[in-house]
Amino acid sequence: MFAVTRADRPLGTLRVLGIDPGLTRCGFAVVDGRGPSAAVAVTMGVIRTPAADELPQRLATLRDELVSLIREFEPDVVSVERVFFQTNVRTAMSVGQASGLALCEAAAAGCEVVQYTPNEVKNSVAGYGAATKEQVQKMVQTRLRLSRPPTPADAADAAALALCHLAVAPMSRRIAAAGRGDRS
């Protein structure tokens, strides 16, 4: 697969790597765009680690895959789902560990790193903070002009994280500029 580097992208295009963290299944999606309505999917999928492997090995595998994604696709921004609430403590721990790896590796690579809660993502992409997985998948399909809803849901969630950032980024830049006194 050929990855378009930063230098080859059209001026004003933002490349966002969305990460839906998980230890067994970690969703990822690379989306290029100038906003939420002008976005194109570059790639998406799921990183899987075998449940039978020991935790350190699983984390090392996940780290290696995340580093490879960042190197290959050179994102400007990495958008990671904020670990917000989990009823299962074991699941929360593994999601937190996967999230920490994504945040660390993105920052180490010099990417801007942002986090959004599941409700922020659903509201941004589907217009409703309590949207179902199926509704999010359908809206990701529509916004990225895909022939069918992306699967598995982890990949669709990662694409939704990238789309969320593309929707929020212009306002965030204007707010930051206003705080600095810029007139842009």
C-alpha atoms as a PDB file:
ATOM      1  CA  MET A   1       0.000   0.000   0.000  1.00  0.00           C
ATOM      2  CA  PHE A   2       1.379   3.423  -0.962  1.00  0.00           C
ATOM      3  CA  ALA A   3       0.970   6.118   1.653  1.00  0.00           C
ATOM      4  CA  VAL A   4       0.745   9.740   0.593  1.00  0.00           C
ATOM      5  CA  THR A   5       3.275  11.633   2.701  1.00  0.00           C
ATOM      6  CA  ARG A   6       2.726  15.074   4.204  1.00  0.00           C
ATOM      7  CA  ALA A   7       4.628  16.727   1.361  1.00  0.00           C
ATOM      8  CA  ASP A   8       2.411  15.024  -1.266  1.00  0.00           C
ATOM      9  CA  ARG A   9      -0.950  16.033   0.232  1.00  0.00           C
ATOM     10  CA  PRO A  10      -2.919  18.989  -1.118  1.00  0.00           C
ATOM     11  CA  LEU A  11      -2.382  22.213   0.804  1.00  0.00           C
ATOM     12  CA  GLY A  12      -4.841  22.564   3.675  1.00  0.00           C
ATOM     13  CA  THR A  13      -5.526  18.842   3.938  1.00  0.00           C
ATOM     14  CA  LEU A  14      -5.330  17.474   7.451  1.00  0.00           C
ATOM     15  CA  ARG A  15      -4.477  13.810   7.956  1.00  0.00           C
ATOM     16  CA  VAL A  16      -6.029  12.330  11.089  1.00  0.00           C
ATOM     17  CA  LEU A  17      -5.306   8.907  12.524  1.00  0.00           C
ATOM     18  CA  GLY A  18      -8.264   7.823  14.638  1.00  0.00           C
ATOM     19  CA  ILE A  19      -7.593   5.202  17.316  1.00  0.00           C
ATOM     20  CA  ASP A  20     -10.325   3.245  19.102  1.00  0.00           C
ATOM     21  CA  PRO A  21      -8.087   1.708  21.782  1.00  0.00           C
ATOM     22  CA  GLY A  22      -8.349  -1.866  22.899  1.00  0.00           C
ATOM     23  CA  LEU A  23      -5.955  -4.646  23.725  1.00  0.00           C
ATOM     24  CA  THR A  24      -7.740  -7.474  21.901  1.00  0.00           C
ATOM     25  CA  ARG A  25      -9.046  -5.245  19.082  1.00  0.00           C
ATOM     26  CA  CYS A  26      -7.669  -1.750  18.487  1.00  0.00           C
ATOM     27  CA  GLY A  27      -9.495   0.069  15.705  1.00  0.00           C
ATOM     28  CA  PHE A  28      -7.650   2.502  13.469  1.00  0.00           C
ATOM     29  CA  ALA A  29      -8.574   4.752  10.571  1.00  0.00           C
ATOM     30  CA  VAL A  30      -6.597   7.268   8.560  1.00  0.00           C
ATOM     31  CA  VAL A  31      -8.753  10.055   7.124  1.00  0.00           C
ATOM     32  CA  ASP A  32      -7.687  13.041   5.023  1.00  0.00           C
ATOM     33  CA  GLY A  33      -9.867  16.103   5.005  1.00  0.00           C
ATOM     34  CA  ARG A  34     -10.412  19.808   5.076  1.00  0.00           C
ATOM     35  CA  GLY A  35     -13.459  19.419   7.282  1.00  0.00           C
ATOM     36  CA  PRO A  36     -16.075  16.825   8.141  1.00  0.00           C
ATOM     37  CA  SER A  37     -17.875  17.120   4.801  1.00  0.00           C
ATOM     38  CA  ALA A  38     -14.716  16.933   2.680  1.00  0.00           C
ATOM     39  CA  ALA A  39     -13.121  13.814   4.110  1.00  0.00           C
ATOM     40  CA  VAL A  40     -11.672  10.748   2.432  1.00  0.00           C
ATOM     41  CA  ALA A  41     -10.794   7.408   4.011  1.00  0.00           C
ATOM     42  CA  VAL A  42      -7.189   6.431   3.340  1.00  0.00           C
ATOM     43  CA  THR A  43      -7.259   3.157   5.278  1.00  0.00           C
ATOM     44  CA  MET A  44      -8.978   1.548   8.244  1.00  0.00           C
ATOM     45  CA  GLY A  45      -8.866  -1.698  10.097  1.00  0.00           C
ATOM     46  CA  VAL A  46      -8.185  -3.422  13.383  1.00  0.00           C
ATOM     47  CA  ILE A  47      -4.992  -4.405  15.160  1.00  0.00           C
ATOM     48  CA  ARG A  48      -5.529  -7.691  16.972  1.00  0.00           C
ATOM     49  CA  THR A  49      -3.461  -9.256  19.720  1.00  0.00           C
ATOM     50  CA  PRO A  50      -3.913 -12.882  20.787  1.00  0.00           C
ATOM     51  CA  ALA A  51      -5.683 -13.236  24.137  1.00  0.00           C
ATOM     52  CA  ALA A  52      -3.492 -16.268  24.869  1.00  0.00           C
ATOM     53  CA  ASP A  53      -0.302 -14.137  24.825  1.00  0.00           C
ATOM     54  CA  GLU A  54       1.025 -12.598  28.028  1.00  0.00           C
ATOM     55  CA  LEU A  55       0.178  -8.936  28.638  1.00  0.00           C
ATOM     56  CA  PRO A  56       3.702  -7.573  27.994  1.00  0.00           C
ATOM     57  CA  GLN A  57       3.859  -9.356  24.627  1.00  0.00           C
ATOM     58  CA  ARG A  58       0.406  -8.089  23.641  1.00  0.00           C
ATOM     59  CA  LEU A  59       1.378  -4.529  24.534  1.00  0.00           C
ATOM     60  CA  ALA A  60       4.639  -4.856  22.572  1.00  0.00           C
ATOM     61  CA  THR A  61       2.725  -6.130  19.529  1.00  0.00           C
ATOM     62  CA  LEU A  62       0.224  -3.281  19.781  1.00  0.00           C
ATOM     63  CA  ARG A  63       3.008  -0.723  20.184  1.00  0.00           C
ATOM     64  CA  ASP A  64       4.867  -2.041  17.129  1.00  0.00           C
ATOM     65  CA  GLU A  65       1.702  -1.847  15.013  1.00  0.00           C
ATOM     66  CA  LEU A  66       0.889   1.696  16.201  1.00  0.00           C
ATOM     67  CA  VAL A  67       4.439   2.871  15.471  1.00  0.00           C
ATOM     68  CA  SER A  68       4.219   1.322  11.987  1.00  0.00           C
ATOM     69  CA  LEU A  69       0.909   3.085  11.279  1.00  0.00           C
ATOM     70  CA  ILE A  70       2.295   6.449  12.384  1.00  0.00           C
ATOM     71  CA  ARG A  71       5.461   6.017  10.309  1.00  0.00           C
ATOM     72  CA  GLU A  72       3.644   4.838   7.197  1.00  0.00           C
ATOM     73  CA  PHE A  73       0.818   7.374   7.144  1.00  0.00           C
ATOM     74  CA  GLU A  74       2.483  10.393   8.819  1.00  0.00           C
ATOM     75  CA  PRO A  75      -0.665  11.807  10.431  1.00  0.00           C
ATOM     76  CA  ASP A  76      -0.830  15.450  11.449  1.00  0.00           C
ATOM     77  CA  VAL A  77      -3.144  14.570  14.312  1.00  0.00           C
ATOM     78  CA  VAL A  78      -3.889  11.411  16.261  1.00  0.00           C
ATOM     79  CA  SER A  79      -7.401  11.321  17.708  1.00  0.00           C
ATOM     80  CA  VAL A  80      -7.838   8.780  20.512  1.00  0.00           C
ATOM     81  CA  GLU A  81     -11.020   7.809  22.311  1.00  0.00           C
ATOM     82  CA  ARG A  82     -10.853   9.051  25.883  1.00  0.00           C
ATOM     83  CA  VAL A  83     -11.252   6.243  28.378  1.00  0.00           C
ATOM     84  CA  PHE A  84     -14.451   7.518  29.923  1.00  0.00           C
ATOM     85  CA  PHE A  85     -16.312   4.760  31.715  1.00  0.00           C
ATOM     86  CA  GLN A  86     -16.230   1.008  31.809  1.00  0.00           C
ATOM     87  CA  THR A  87     -18.287  -1.252  34.043  1.00  0.00           C
ATOM     88  CA  ASN A  88     -15.753  -4.080  33.759  1.00  0.00           C
ATOM     89  CA  VAL A  89     -12.530  -3.129  35.594  1.00  0.00           C
ATOM     90  CA  ARG A  90     -10.445  -5.620  33.624  1.00  0.00           C
ATOM     91  CA  THR A  91     -11.676  -4.171  30.328  1.00  0.00           C
ATOM     92  CA  ALA A  92     -11.058  -0.630  31.572  1.00  0.00           C
ATOM     93  CA  MET A  93      -7.473  -1.514  32.464  1.00  0.00           C
ATOM     94  CA  SER A  94      -6.690  -3.020  29.068  1.00  0.00           C
ATOM     95  CA  VAL A  95      -8.367  -0.135  27.216  1.00  0.00           C
ATOM     96  CA  GLY A  96      -6.401   2.306  29.385  1.00  0.00           C
ATOM     97  CA  GLN A  97      -3.135   0.532  28.614  1.00  0.00           C
ATOM     98  CA  ALA A  98      -3.852   0.537  24.873  1.00  0.00           C
ATOM     99  CA  SER A  99      -4.884   4.188  25.034  1.00  0.00           C
ATOM    100  CA  GLY A 100      -1.693   5.102  26.872  1.00  0.00           C
ATOM    101  CA  LEU A 101       0.420   3.429  24.194  1.00  0.00           C
ATOM    102  CA  ALA A 102      -1.390   5.317  21.431  1.00  0.00           C
ATOM    103  CA  LEU A 103      -1.050   8.657  23.221  1.00  0.00           C
ATOM    104  CA  CYS A 104       2.627   8.091  23.999  1.00  0.00           C
ATOM    105  CA  GLU A 105       3.674   6.904  20.553  1.00  0.00           C
ATOM    106  CA  ALA A 106       1.771   9.686  18.784  1.00  0.00           C
ATOM    107  CA  ALA A 107       3.363  12.340  21.000  1.00  0.00           C
ATOM    108  CA  ALA A 108       6.816  10.771  20.574  1.00  0.00           C
ATOM    109  CA  ALA A 109       6.357  10.947  16.792  1.00  0.00           C
ATOM    110  CA  GLY A 110       5.592  14.683  17.013  1.00  0.00           C
ATOM    111  CA  CYS A 111       1.908  14.420  16.168  1.00  0.00           C
ATOM    112  CA  GLU A 112      -0.725  16.639  17.687  1.00  0.00           C
ATOM    113  CA  VAL A 113      -2.694  14.378  20.038  1.00  0.00           C
ATOM    114  CA  VAL A 114      -6.356  14.888  20.956  1.00  0.00           C
ATOM    115  CA  GLN A 115      -8.917  12.879  22.880  1.00  0.00           C
ATOM    116  CA  TYR A 116     -12.691  12.760  22.615  1.00  0.00           C
ATOM    117  CA  THR A 117     -15.273  10.961  24.725  1.00  0.00           C
ATOM    118  CA  PRO A 118     -17.611   8.481  23.027  1.00  0.00           C
ATOM    119  CA  ASN A 119     -20.508  10.933  23.459  1.00  0.00           C
ATOM    120  CA  GLU A 120     -18.537  13.763  21.822  1.00  0.00           C
ATOM    121  CA  VAL A 121     -17.752  11.506  18.863  1.00  0.00           C
ATOM    122  CA  LYS A 122     -21.340  10.276  18.472  1.00  0.00           C
ATOM    123  CA  ASN A 123     -22.713  13.803  18.728  1.00  0.00           C
ATOM    124  CA  SER A 124     -20.245  15.109  16.163  1.00  0.00           C
ATOM    125  CA  VAL A 125     -20.707  12.296  13.646  1.00  0.00           C
ATOM    126  CA  ALA A 126     -24.324  11.217  14.139  1.00  0.00           C
ATOM    127  CA  GLY A 127     -25.805  14.348  15.713  1.00  0.00           C
ATOM    128  CA  TYR A 128     -26.856  12.433  18.825  1.00  0.00           C
ATOM    129  CA  GLY A 129     -24.608  11.597  21.788  1.00  0.00           C
ATOM    130  CA  ALA A 130     -26.413   8.319  22.484  1.00  0.00           C
ATOM    131  CA  ALA A 131     -26.300   7.026  18.888  1.00  0.00           C
ATOM    132  CA  THR A 132     -26.019   3.268  18.455  1.00  0.00           C
ATOM    133  CA  LYS A 133     -23.008   1.513  16.919  1.00  0.00           C
ATOM    134  CA  GLU A 134     -25.078   0.905  13.789  1.00  0.00           C
ATOM    135  CA  GLN A 135     -26.003   4.601  13.509  1.00  0.00           C
ATOM    136  CA  VAL A 136     -22.347   5.605  13.838  1.00  0.00           C
ATOM    137  CA  GLN A 137     -21.320   3.045  11.209  1.00  0.00           C
ATOM    138  CA  LYS A 138     -24.005   4.355   8.819  1.00  0.00           C
ATOM    139  CA  MET A 139     -22.946   7.982   9.309  1.00  0.00           C
ATOM    140  CA  VAL A 140     -19.274   7.092   8.803  1.00  0.00           C
ATOM    141  CA  GLN A 141     -20.304   5.330   5.586  1.00  0.00           C
ATOM    142  CA  THR A 142     -22.228   8.404   4.447  1.00  0.00           C
ATOM    143  CA  ARG A 143     -19.576  10.978   5.390  1.00  0.00           C
ATOM    144  CA  LEU A 144     -16.734   9.027   3.823  1.00  0.00           C
ATOM    145  CA  ARG A 145     -18.842   8.034   0.803  1.00  0.00           C
ATOM    146  CA  LEU A 146     -18.180   4.317   1.315  1.00  0.00           C
ATOM    147  CA  SER A 147     -20.130   1.643  -0.553  1.00  0.00           C
ATOM    148  CA  ARG A 148     -21.126  -0.057   2.727  1.00  0.00           C
ATOM    149  CA  PRO A 149     -20.830   0.581   6.467  1.00  0.00           C
ATOM    150  CA  PRO A 150     -17.292  -0.074   7.686  1.00  0.00           C
ATOM    151  CA  THR A 151     -16.699  -3.204   9.740  1.00  0.00           C
ATOM    152  CA  PRO A 152     -15.774  -4.219  12.293  1.00  0.00           C
ATOM    153  CA  ALA A 153     -17.282  -1.615  14.600  1.00  0.00           C
ATOM    154  CA  ASP A 154     -13.824  -0.837  16.052  1.00  0.00           C
ATOM    155  CA  ALA A 155     -12.650   0.426  12.645  1.00  0.00           C
ATOM    156  CA  ALA A 156     -15.848   2.461  12.195  1.00  0.00           C
ATOM    157  CA  ASP A 157     -15.365   3.968  15.665  1.00  0.00           C
ATOM    158  CA  ALA A 158     -11.793   4.926  14.761  1.00  0.00           C
ATOM    159  CA  ALA A 159     -13.033   6.602  11.564  1.00  0.00           C
ATOM    160  CA  ALA A 160     -15.657   8.426  13.625  1.00  0.00           C
ATOM    161  CA  LEU A 161     -12.894   9.702  15.924  1.00  0.00           C
ATOM    162  CA  ALA A 162     -11.035  11.095  12.913  1.00  0.00           C
ATOM    163  CA  LEU A 163     -14.219  12.693  11.537  1.00  0.00           C
ATOM    164  CA  CYS A 164     -14.974  14.163  14.953  1.00  0.00           C
ATOM    165  CA  HIS A 165     -11.605  15.895  14.970  1.00  0.00           C
ATOM    166  CA  LEU A 166     -12.110  17.231  11.452  1.00  0.00           C
ATOM    167  CA  ALA A 167     -15.412  18.731  12.640  1.00  0.00           C
ATOM    168  CA  VAL A 168     -14.019  20.197  15.859  1.00  0.00           C
ATOM    169  CA  ALA A 169     -10.574  21.356  14.661  1.00  0.00           C
ATOM    170  CA  PRO A 170     -11.620  24.549  12.788  1.00  0.00           C
ATOM    171  CA  MET A 171     -13.457  25.927  15.836  1.00  0.00           C
ATOM    172  CA  SER A 172     -10.634  24.883  18.169  1.00  0.00           C
ATOM    173  CA  ARG A 173      -8.117  26.751  15.979  1.00  0.00           C
ATOM    174  CA  ARG A 174     -10.292  29.880  15.983  1.00  0.00           C
ATOM    175  CA  ILE A 175     -10.652  29.756  19.769  1.00  0.00           C
ATOM    176  CA  ALA A 176      -6.900  29.294  20.223  1.00  0.00           C
ATOM    177  CA  ALA A 177      -6.201  32.156  17.822  1.00  0.00           C
ATOM    178  CA  ALA A 178      -8.644  34.424  19.667  1.00  0.00           C
ATOM    179  CA  GLY A 179      -6.895  33.629  22.931  1.00  0.00           C
ATOM    180  CA  ARG A 180      -3.570  34.688  21.372  1.00  0.00           C
ATOM    181  CA  GLY A 181      -5.125  37.822  19.914  1.00  0.00           C
ATOM    182  CA  ASP A 182      -4.687  36.666  16.285  1.00  0.00           C
ATOM    183  CA  ARG A 183      -6.990  38.185  13.674  1.00  0.00           C
ATOM    184  CA  SER A 184      -7.194  35.085  11.419  1.00  0.00           C
END
